[in-house]
Amino acid sequence: MIFICYPRCTTCQKARKWLDERNIKYEFRDIKEDKPTYDELKSWFAQSGLEIKRFFNTSGIAYKTLNVKDKLPAMSHDEALKLLATDGLLVKRPLFIGDGFVLVGFKKEEWEGKLG
């Protein structure tokens, strides 16, 4: 399993603490240093069943600077995934990728449902 986060993000810190308290093993990955690739994002998006907007960090500076809110409705999934792959900080975090599931953002109830 892979845990992808931005270490300075408080939500990511809470998620990591939650995982560690439950002794859930994972590979740690810093989203800024090792951003997700287009192919990874494409796979995770398909596996997640979520809307493409859920993969964007809508409160981030890059999202606002690039005016993604206004551009996203007209973008294809492919265009959106290519944009996400350009900057790890555009991607909603944390991400937790397991066998057959993808968790986007830290929602305790959702994580408990998948990870116990």
N, C-alpha and C. Protein backbone atom coordinates (compact mmCIF):
# COMPACT_ATOMS: atom_id res chain seq x y z
N MET A 1 0.85 -1.17 0.00
CA MET A 1 0.00 0.00 0.00
C MET A 1 0.89 1.23 0.00
N ILE A 2 0.39 2.27 -0.63
CA ILE A 2 1.16 3.51 -0.76
C ILE A 2 0.38 4.65 -0.11
N PHE A 3 1.08 5.40 0.72
CA PHE A 3 0.53 6.60 1.35
C PHE A 3 1.26 7.79 0.75
N ILE A 4 0.51 8.62 0.03
CA ILE A 4 1.09 9.77 -0.65
C ILE A 4 0.56 11.04 0.01
N CYS A 5 1.50 11.87 0.47
CA CYS A 5 1.06 13.07 1.16
C CYS A 5 2.10 14.18 1.03
N TYR A 6 1.73 15.33 1.52
CA TYR A 6 2.64 16.47 1.65
C TYR A 6 2.91 16.58 3.15
N PRO A 7 4.12 16.31 3.60
CA PRO A 7 4.41 16.23 5.03
C PRO A 7 4.03 17.47 5.84
N ARG A 8 4.00 18.64 5.23
CA ARG A 8 3.65 19.86 5.96
C ARG A 8 2.14 20.06 6.10
N CYS A 9 1.36 19.26 5.41
CA CYS A 9 -0.10 19.37 5.43
C CYS A 9 -0.64 18.75 6.73
N THR A 10 -1.43 19.51 7.47
CA THR A 10 -1.95 19.01 8.75
C THR A 10 -2.90 17.83 8.57
N THR A 11 -3.68 17.83 7.51
CA THR A 11 -4.57 16.70 7.25
C THR A 11 -3.76 15.44 6.97
N CYS A 12 -2.69 15.59 6.22
CA CYS A 12 -1.80 14.45 5.94
C CYS A 12 -1.17 13.94 7.22
N GLN A 13 -0.79 14.85 8.10
CA GLN A 13 -0.20 14.46 9.39
C GLN A 13 -1.20 13.65 10.22
N LYS A 14 -2.46 14.08 10.22
CA LYS A 14 -3.50 13.34 10.95
C LYS A 14 -3.69 11.95 10.36
N ALA A 15 -3.71 11.87 9.05
CA ALA A 15 -3.90 10.59 8.38
C ALA A 15 -2.74 9.65 8.69
N ARG A 16 -1.53 10.17 8.65
CA ARG A 16 -0.35 9.34 8.93
C ARG A 16 -0.37 8.84 10.37
N LYS A 17 -0.74 9.71 11.29
CA LYS A 17 -0.86 9.32 12.70
C LYS A 17 -1.90 8.22 12.85
N TRP A 18 -3.03 8.40 12.17
CA TRP A 18 -4.11 7.41 12.22
C TRP A 18 -3.61 6.05 11.72
N LEU A 19 -2.89 6.05 10.60
CA LEU A 19 -2.34 4.80 10.05
C LEU A 19 -1.35 4.16 11.02
N ASP A 20 -0.45 4.98 11.56
CA ASP A 20 0.58 4.46 12.46
C ASP A 20 -0.02 3.90 13.76
N GLU A 21 -1.05 4.56 14.28
CA GLU A 21 -1.71 4.08 15.50
C GLU A 21 -2.35 2.71 15.30
N ARG A 22 -2.71 2.40 14.07
CA ARG A 22 -3.34 1.12 13.74
C ARG A 22 -2.34 0.10 13.18
N ASN A 23 -1.07 0.48 13.19
CA ASN A 23 0.00 -0.38 12.68
C ASN A 23 -0.24 -0.84 11.24
N ILE A 24 -0.80 0.06 10.45
CA ILE A 24 -1.03 -0.23 9.03
C ILE A 24 0.26 0.07 8.28
N LYS A 25 0.77 -0.92 7.61
CA LYS A 25 2.04 -0.78 6.89
C LYS A 25 1.79 -0.13 5.52
N TYR A 26 2.70 0.76 5.14
CA TYR A 26 2.57 1.46 3.87
C TYR A 26 3.93 1.96 3.42
N GLU A 27 4.00 2.26 2.13
CA GLU A 27 5.17 2.92 1.56
C GLU A 27 4.85 4.41 1.57
N PHE A 28 5.72 5.21 2.19
CA PHE A 28 5.51 6.65 2.28
C PHE A 28 6.06 7.34 1.03
N ARG A 29 5.32 8.31 0.53
CA ARG A 29 5.76 9.06 -0.64
C ARG A 29 5.35 10.52 -0.49
N ASP A 30 6.34 11.42 -0.62
CA ASP A 30 6.12 12.86 -0.55
C ASP A 30 5.64 13.34 -1.92
N ILE A 31 4.44 13.87 -1.97
CA ILE A 31 3.80 14.24 -3.23
C ILE A 31 4.52 15.38 -3.95
N LYS A 32 5.24 16.20 -3.19
CA LYS A 32 5.97 17.31 -3.82
C LYS A 32 7.29 16.81 -4.43
N GLU A 33 7.95 15.89 -3.74
CA GLU A 33 9.23 15.37 -4.19
C GLU A 33 9.08 14.29 -5.27
N ASP A 34 8.02 13.52 -5.16
CA ASP A 34 7.79 12.39 -6.07
C ASP A 34 6.33 12.42 -6.52
N LYS A 35 6.03 13.39 -7.40
CA LYS A 35 4.64 13.60 -7.81
C LYS A 35 4.10 12.39 -8.60
N PRO A 36 2.79 12.16 -8.50
CA PRO A 36 2.19 11.06 -9.26
C PRO A 36 2.33 11.30 -10.76
N THR A 37 2.56 10.23 -11.48
CA THR A 37 2.67 10.31 -12.93
C THR A 37 1.28 10.30 -13.56
N TYR A 38 1.24 10.65 -14.81
CA TYR A 38 -0.02 10.59 -15.56
C TYR A 38 -0.60 9.17 -15.52
N ASP A 39 0.25 8.17 -15.77
CA ASP A 39 -0.23 6.77 -15.79
C ASP A 39 -0.76 6.34 -14.44
N GLU A 40 -0.08 6.75 -13.37
CA GLU A 40 -0.57 6.42 -12.02
C GLU A 40 -1.93 7.08 -11.78
N LEU A 41 -2.01 8.35 -12.07
CA LEU A 41 -3.26 9.08 -11.86
C LEU A 41 -4.41 8.48 -12.68
N LYS A 42 -4.12 8.13 -13.91
CA LYS A 42 -5.13 7.53 -14.78
C LYS A 42 -5.65 6.22 -14.16
N SER A 43 -4.74 5.40 -13.68
CA SER A 43 -5.11 4.13 -13.06
C SER A 43 -5.91 4.36 -11.78
N TRP A 44 -5.44 5.27 -10.93
CA TRP A 44 -6.13 5.53 -9.66
C TRP A 44 -7.51 6.13 -9.89
N PHE A 45 -7.61 7.02 -10.85
CA PHE A 45 -8.90 7.63 -11.17
C PHE A 45 -9.89 6.55 -11.61
N ALA A 46 -9.46 5.67 -12.51
CA ALA A 46 -10.34 4.60 -13.00
C ALA A 46 -10.75 3.67 -11.87
N GLN A 47 -9.82 3.38 -11.00
CA GLN A 47 -10.07 2.45 -9.89
C GLN A 47 -10.97 3.07 -8.82
N SER A 48 -10.90 4.38 -8.66
CA SER A 48 -11.59 5.05 -7.56
C SER A 48 -13.10 5.15 -7.75
N GLY A 49 -13.54 5.34 -8.99
CA GLY A 49 -14.96 5.58 -9.23
C GLY A 49 -15.41 6.98 -8.85
N LEU A 50 -14.46 7.86 -8.55
CA LEU A 50 -14.78 9.23 -8.13
C LEU A 50 -14.83 10.18 -9.32
N GLU A 51 -15.41 11.36 -9.09
CA GLU A 51 -15.38 12.42 -10.09
C GLU A 51 -13.94 12.92 -10.19
N ILE A 52 -13.55 13.41 -11.34
CA ILE A 52 -12.19 13.91 -11.54
C ILE A 52 -11.90 15.08 -10.60
N LYS A 53 -12.89 15.89 -10.30
CA LYS A 53 -12.69 17.05 -9.42
C LYS A 53 -12.19 16.63 -8.04
N ARG A 54 -12.56 15.44 -7.59
CA ARG A 54 -12.13 14.97 -6.26
C ARG A 54 -10.62 14.78 -6.18
N PHE A 55 -9.95 14.67 -7.32
CA PHE A 55 -8.51 14.48 -7.33
C PHE A 55 -7.74 15.81 -7.26
N PHE A 56 -8.46 16.93 -7.34
CA PHE A 56 -7.81 18.24 -7.29
C PHE A 56 -7.83 18.82 -5.89
N ASN A 57 -6.72 19.42 -5.50
CA ASN A 57 -6.61 20.14 -4.24
C ASN A 57 -7.23 21.53 -4.48
N THR A 58 -8.53 21.62 -4.30
CA THR A 58 -9.26 22.83 -4.65
C THR A 58 -8.94 24.03 -3.75
N SER A 59 -8.29 23.80 -2.62
CA SER A 59 -7.94 24.91 -1.75
C SER A 59 -6.48 25.34 -1.93
N GLY A 60 -5.78 24.71 -2.86
CA GLY A 60 -4.37 25.02 -3.07
C GLY A 60 -4.13 26.24 -3.93
N ILE A 61 -2.95 26.80 -3.77
CA ILE A 61 -2.55 28.01 -4.52
C ILE A 61 -2.50 27.73 -6.02
N ALA A 62 -1.93 26.59 -6.40
CA ALA A 62 -1.80 26.28 -7.84
C ALA A 62 -3.18 26.17 -8.49
N TYR A 63 -4.13 25.55 -7.80
CA TYR A 63 -5.50 25.39 -8.33
C TYR A 63 -6.10 26.77 -8.61
N LYS A 64 -5.92 27.68 -7.66
CA LYS A 64 -6.49 29.02 -7.79
C LYS A 64 -5.74 29.85 -8.83
N THR A 65 -4.42 29.78 -8.82
CA THR A 65 -3.60 30.55 -9.76
C THR A 65 -3.89 30.15 -11.20
N LEU A 66 -4.05 28.86 -11.43
CA LEU A 66 -4.31 28.36 -12.79
C LEU A 66 -5.78 28.46 -13.18
N ASN A 67 -6.62 28.94 -12.25
CA ASN A 67 -8.05 29.11 -12.51
C ASN A 67 -8.70 27.78 -12.95
N VAL A 68 -8.29 26.71 -12.30
CA VAL A 68 -8.78 25.38 -12.66
C VAL A 68 -10.29 25.26 -12.46
N LYS A 69 -10.82 25.94 -11.46
CA LYS A 69 -12.26 25.87 -11.18
C LYS A 69 -13.09 26.17 -12.43
N ASP A 70 -12.68 27.19 -13.17
CA ASP A 70 -13.42 27.58 -14.37
C ASP A 70 -13.09 26.73 -15.58
N LYS A 71 -11.88 26.19 -15.62
CA LYS A 71 -11.44 25.40 -16.77
C LYS A 71 -11.88 23.93 -16.70
N LEU A 72 -11.97 23.40 -15.48
CA LEU A 72 -12.22 21.97 -15.30
C LEU A 72 -13.49 21.45 -15.96
N PRO A 73 -14.63 22.17 -15.89
CA PRO A 73 -15.84 21.64 -16.52
C PRO A 73 -15.71 21.37 -18.02
N ALA A 74 -14.86 22.11 -18.70
CA ALA A 74 -14.70 21.94 -20.14
C ALA A 74 -13.57 20.96 -20.49
N MET A 75 -12.84 20.50 -19.49
CA MET A 75 -11.71 19.62 -19.73
C MET A 75 -12.15 18.16 -19.82
N SER A 76 -11.50 17.40 -20.67
CA SER A 76 -11.72 15.96 -20.69
C SER A 76 -11.00 15.36 -19.48
N HIS A 77 -11.33 14.13 -19.14
CA HIS A 77 -10.63 13.46 -18.04
C HIS A 77 -9.14 13.39 -18.34
N ASP A 78 -8.81 13.10 -19.59
CA ASP A 78 -7.42 12.98 -19.99
C ASP A 78 -6.68 14.31 -19.79
N GLU A 79 -7.28 15.40 -20.19
CA GLU A 79 -6.66 16.73 -20.01
C GLU A 79 -6.47 17.04 -18.52
N ALA A 80 -7.48 16.72 -17.72
CA ALA A 80 -7.41 16.96 -16.28
C ALA A 80 -6.29 16.13 -15.64
N LEU A 81 -6.18 14.87 -16.04
CA LEU A 81 -5.13 14.00 -15.50
C LEU A 81 -3.74 14.50 -15.90
N LYS A 82 -3.61 14.97 -17.12
CA LYS A 82 -2.32 15.52 -17.57
C LYS A 82 -1.96 16.76 -16.76
N LEU A 83 -2.94 17.60 -16.47
CA LEU A 83 -2.70 18.78 -15.65
C LEU A 83 -2.28 18.37 -14.23
N LEU A 84 -2.97 17.43 -13.65
CA LEU A 84 -2.63 16.95 -12.31
C LEU A 84 -1.19 16.42 -12.25
N ALA A 85 -0.76 15.78 -13.31
CA ALA A 85 0.58 15.19 -13.34
C ALA A 85 1.69 16.24 -13.42
N THR A 86 1.34 17.49 -13.70
CA THR A 86 2.36 18.53 -13.82
C THR A 86 2.84 19.05 -12.47
N ASP A 87 2.01 18.92 -11.42
CA ASP A 87 2.35 19.51 -10.13
C ASP A 87 1.69 18.70 -9.01
N GLY A 88 2.50 18.07 -8.19
CA GLY A 88 1.97 17.26 -7.09
C GLY A 88 1.07 18.04 -6.15
N LEU A 89 1.30 19.34 -6.02
CA LEU A 89 0.48 20.13 -5.10
C LEU A 89 -0.90 20.45 -5.67
N LEU A 90 -1.14 20.13 -6.93
CA LEU A 90 -2.49 20.25 -7.50
C LEU A 90 -3.37 19.08 -7.06
N VAL A 91 -2.72 18.00 -6.64
CA VAL A 91 -3.43 16.76 -6.32
C VAL A 91 -3.95 16.78 -4.88
N LYS A 92 -5.20 16.39 -4.71
CA LYS A 92 -5.80 16.26 -3.38
C LYS A 92 -5.00 15.25 -2.58
N ARG A 93 -4.78 15.56 -1.35
CA ARG A 93 -4.02 14.66 -0.51
C ARG A 93 -4.63 14.58 0.87
N PRO A 94 -4.31 13.55 1.59
CA PRO A 94 -3.46 12.44 1.21
C PRO A 94 -4.17 11.48 0.25
N LEU A 95 -3.36 10.65 -0.38
CA LEU A 95 -3.86 9.54 -1.20
C LEU A 95 -3.40 8.26 -0.53
N PHE A 96 -4.28 7.28 -0.49
CA PHE A 96 -3.88 5.97 0.03
C PHE A 96 -4.33 4.94 -1.00
N ILE A 97 -3.35 4.26 -1.56
CA ILE A 97 -3.64 3.31 -2.63
C ILE A 97 -3.38 1.91 -2.11
N GLY A 98 -4.42 1.10 -2.15
CA GLY A 98 -4.31 -0.28 -1.71
C GLY A 98 -4.71 -1.22 -2.82
N ASP A 99 -4.80 -2.48 -2.50
CA ASP A 99 -5.16 -3.49 -3.48
C ASP A 99 -6.66 -3.39 -3.77
N GLY A 100 -6.99 -2.78 -4.90
CA GLY A 100 -8.39 -2.67 -5.31
C GLY A 100 -9.12 -1.44 -4.82
N PHE A 101 -8.41 -0.48 -4.18
CA PHE A 101 -9.09 0.74 -3.75
C PHE A 101 -8.14 1.93 -3.74
N VAL A 102 -8.74 3.11 -3.81
CA VAL A 102 -8.01 4.37 -3.75
C VAL A 102 -8.79 5.30 -2.83
N LEU A 103 -8.12 5.83 -1.81
CA LEU A 103 -8.74 6.80 -0.92
C LEU A 103 -8.14 8.16 -1.21
N VAL A 104 -8.99 9.16 -1.42
CA VAL A 104 -8.55 10.51 -1.76
C VAL A 104 -9.02 11.46 -0.67
N GLY A 105 -8.07 12.14 -0.03
CA GLY A 105 -8.41 12.98 1.11
C GLY A 105 -8.59 12.11 2.34
N PHE A 106 -8.52 12.70 3.51
CA PHE A 106 -8.66 11.92 4.74
C PHE A 106 -10.03 12.12 5.34
N LYS A 107 -10.87 11.12 5.14
CA LYS A 107 -12.18 11.08 5.79
C LYS A 107 -12.15 9.82 6.65
N LYS A 108 -12.05 10.05 7.96
CA LYS A 108 -11.83 8.96 8.91
C LYS A 108 -12.79 7.78 8.70
N GLU A 109 -14.07 8.07 8.53
CA GLU A 109 -15.07 7.00 8.37
C GLU A 109 -14.79 6.16 7.12
N GLU A 110 -14.42 6.84 6.05
CA GLU A 110 -14.12 6.16 4.79
C GLU A 110 -12.88 5.28 4.96
N TRP A 111 -11.87 5.80 5.60
CA TRP A 111 -10.63 5.06 5.81
C TRP A 111 -10.87 3.86 6.73
N GLU A 112 -11.69 4.05 7.77
CA GLU A 112 -12.01 2.95 8.68
C GLU A 112 -12.74 1.84 7.94
N GLY A 113 -13.61 2.23 7.01
CA GLY A 113 -14.37 1.26 6.23
C GLY A 113 -13.47 0.39 5.34
N LYS A 114 -12.40 0.98 4.83
CA LYS A 114 -11.48 0.24 3.95
C LYS A 114 -10.34 -0.43 4.70
N LEU A 115 -9.87 0.21 5.77
CA LEU A 115 -8.67 -0.25 6.44
C LEU A 115 -8.90 -0.81 7.85
N GLY A 116 -10.09 -0.61 8.38
CA GLY A 116 -10.38 -1.12 9.72
C GLY A 116 -9.88 -0.21 10.72
